[in-house]
Amino acid sequence: MGYYLLATLYLSIAVGSLMSTAINKKLGRYKCLILGGFGHFTFVFANVFPAYQSDHLDNKSWYTSSGFMITLLFFCAVLNGLGAAIIWVAQGSYVASCCIPKTKGFFYGFFWVIYMSS
């Protein structure tokens, strides 16, 4: 199931990339950064339920059923993918607005060093 979840995530990133520039122009970069962060939050939150279920195997609640968890994970993977596409354009726009043409390479390089070191 993990491969299907990642495929869903990356497919939604690809679809979201087609709309992300228009959304960024409509909402502005700061709102898009918040909206994209919400997409990441939902995916992290959805992974709480499988972790809880693995710690409490005797719990037979609706939120520990595999049908609920799989549906929630795939739904949140789509939200995360759309949010990732939006946040990608917004962060590029933000970094570009923070510099002048002479320092643009430094700012993008500095961003990528921090991004890749995490």
Protein backbone atom coordinates (compact mmCIF):
# COMPACT_ATOMS: atom_id res chain seq x y z
CA MET A 1 0.00 0.00 0.00
CA GLY A 2 2.92 2.34 0.63
CA TYR A 3 3.82 2.53 -3.06
CA TYR A 4 0.24 3.40 -4.00
CA LEU A 5 0.19 6.11 -1.35
CA LEU A 6 3.40 7.66 -2.68
CA ALA A 7 2.13 7.37 -6.26
CA THR A 8 -1.04 9.21 -5.23
CA LEU A 9 1.03 11.88 -3.50
CA TYR A 10 3.29 12.49 -6.50
CA LEU A 11 0.40 12.38 -8.97
CA SER A 12 -1.38 15.08 -6.98
CA ILE A 13 1.82 17.14 -6.94
CA ALA A 14 1.96 16.88 -10.73
CA VAL A 15 -1.69 17.89 -11.10
CA GLY A 16 -1.33 20.65 -8.52
CA SER A 17 1.68 22.04 -10.36
CA LEU A 18 -0.55 22.85 -13.30
CA MET A 19 -2.69 25.14 -11.13
CA SER A 20 -0.20 26.40 -8.56
CA THR A 21 0.97 29.51 -10.39
CA ALA A 22 -2.60 30.73 -10.90
CA ILE A 23 -3.42 30.03 -7.25
CA ASN A 24 -0.29 31.88 -6.15
CA LYS A 25 -1.25 34.93 -8.22
CA LYS A 26 -4.82 34.83 -6.91
CA LEU A 27 -4.10 34.35 -3.18
CA GLY A 28 -0.60 35.78 -2.78
CA ARG A 29 2.53 34.04 -1.62
CA TYR A 30 1.95 34.29 2.14
CA LYS A 31 -1.50 32.72 2.01
CA CYS A 32 -0.12 30.03 -0.28
CA LEU A 33 2.67 29.24 2.18
CA ILE A 34 0.08 28.79 4.92
CA LEU A 35 -2.21 26.76 2.68
CA GLY A 36 0.66 24.52 1.60
CA GLY A 37 1.73 24.05 5.20
CA PHE A 38 -1.80 22.95 6.02
CA GLY A 39 -1.48 20.27 3.33
CA HIS A 40 1.68 18.94 4.97
CA PHE A 41 -0.01 19.04 8.38
CA THR A 42 -2.95 16.92 7.20
CA PHE A 43 -0.65 14.17 5.94
CA VAL A 44 1.30 14.09 9.19
CA PHE A 45 -1.95 14.08 11.16
CA ALA A 46 -3.33 11.18 9.11
CA ASN A 47 -0.34 9.07 10.11
CA VAL A 48 -1.27 9.40 13.78
CA PHE A 49 -4.08 6.85 13.41
CA PRO A 50 -1.92 3.95 12.14
CA ALA A 51 0.63 4.69 14.87
CA TYR A 52 -2.11 4.66 17.49
CA GLN A 53 -3.54 1.43 16.11
CA SER A 54 -0.16 -0.31 16.24
CA ASP A 55 0.23 0.67 19.90
CA HIS A 56 -3.33 -0.41 20.84
CA LEU A 57 -3.99 -3.62 18.94
CA ASP A 58 -7.00 -4.55 21.09
CA ASN A 59 -8.84 -1.30 20.26
CA LYS A 60 -11.65 -1.93 17.75
CA SER A 61 -12.88 1.65 17.29
CA TRP A 62 -13.93 3.12 13.96
CA TYR A 63 -10.81 5.26 13.77
CA THR A 64 -8.55 2.20 14.04
CA SER A 65 -10.30 0.29 11.26
CA SER A 66 -8.17 -0.26 8.20
CA GLY A 67 -10.85 1.12 5.85
CA PHE A 68 -10.94 4.46 7.66
CA MET A 69 -7.17 4.74 7.91
CA ILE A 70 -6.54 3.87 4.25
CA THR A 71 -9.20 6.31 3.05
CA LEU A 72 -7.86 9.06 5.29
CA LEU A 73 -4.26 8.46 4.23
CA PHE A 74 -5.09 8.62 0.52
CA PHE A 75 -7.27 11.72 0.96
CA CYS A 76 -4.56 13.48 2.95
CA ALA A 77 -1.91 12.39 0.41
CA VAL A 78 -3.91 14.26 -2.25
CA LEU A 79 -4.18 17.33 0.01
CA ASN A 80 -0.47 17.14 0.76
CA GLY A 81 0.40 16.90 -2.93
CA LEU A 82 -1.74 19.88 -3.85
CA GLY A 83 -0.29 21.82 -0.91
CA ALA A 84 3.27 20.85 -1.87
CA ALA A 85 2.75 22.17 -5.39
CA ILE A 86 1.36 25.44 -4.06
CA ILE A 87 4.10 25.88 -1.47
CA TRP A 88 6.82 25.15 -4.05
CA VAL A 89 5.75 28.07 -6.23
CA ALA A 90 5.18 30.35 -3.23
CA GLN A 91 8.63 29.73 -1.75
CA GLY A 92 10.28 30.42 -5.11
CA SER A 93 8.33 33.64 -5.40
CA TYR A 94 9.25 34.62 -1.86
CA VAL A 95 12.97 33.96 -2.31
CA ALA A 96 12.93 35.91 -5.59
CA SER A 97 11.27 38.88 -3.88
CA CYS A 98 13.92 38.97 -1.13
CA CYS A 99 16.84 39.65 -3.44
CA ILE A 100 18.12 41.86 -6.19
CA PRO A 101 19.38 40.35 -9.48
CA LYS A 102 22.98 40.56 -8.26
CA THR A 103 22.31 38.43 -5.14
CA LYS A 104 19.71 36.06 -6.57
CA GLY A 105 22.18 33.17 -7.00
CA PHE A 106 23.36 33.50 -3.41
CA PHE A 107 19.82 33.48 -2.01
CA TYR A 108 18.75 30.46 -4.04
CA GLY A 109 21.97 28.64 -3.18
CA PHE A 110 21.52 29.41 0.51
CA PHE A 111 17.92 28.17 0.36
CA TRP A 112 18.97 24.91 -1.30
CA VAL A 113 21.75 24.29 1.24
CA ILE A 114 19.27 24.58 4.10
CA TYR A 115 16.58 22.63 2.22
CA MET A 116 18.87 19.73 1.32
CA SER A 117 20.53 19.55 4.73
CA SER A 118 17.21 18.88 6.44
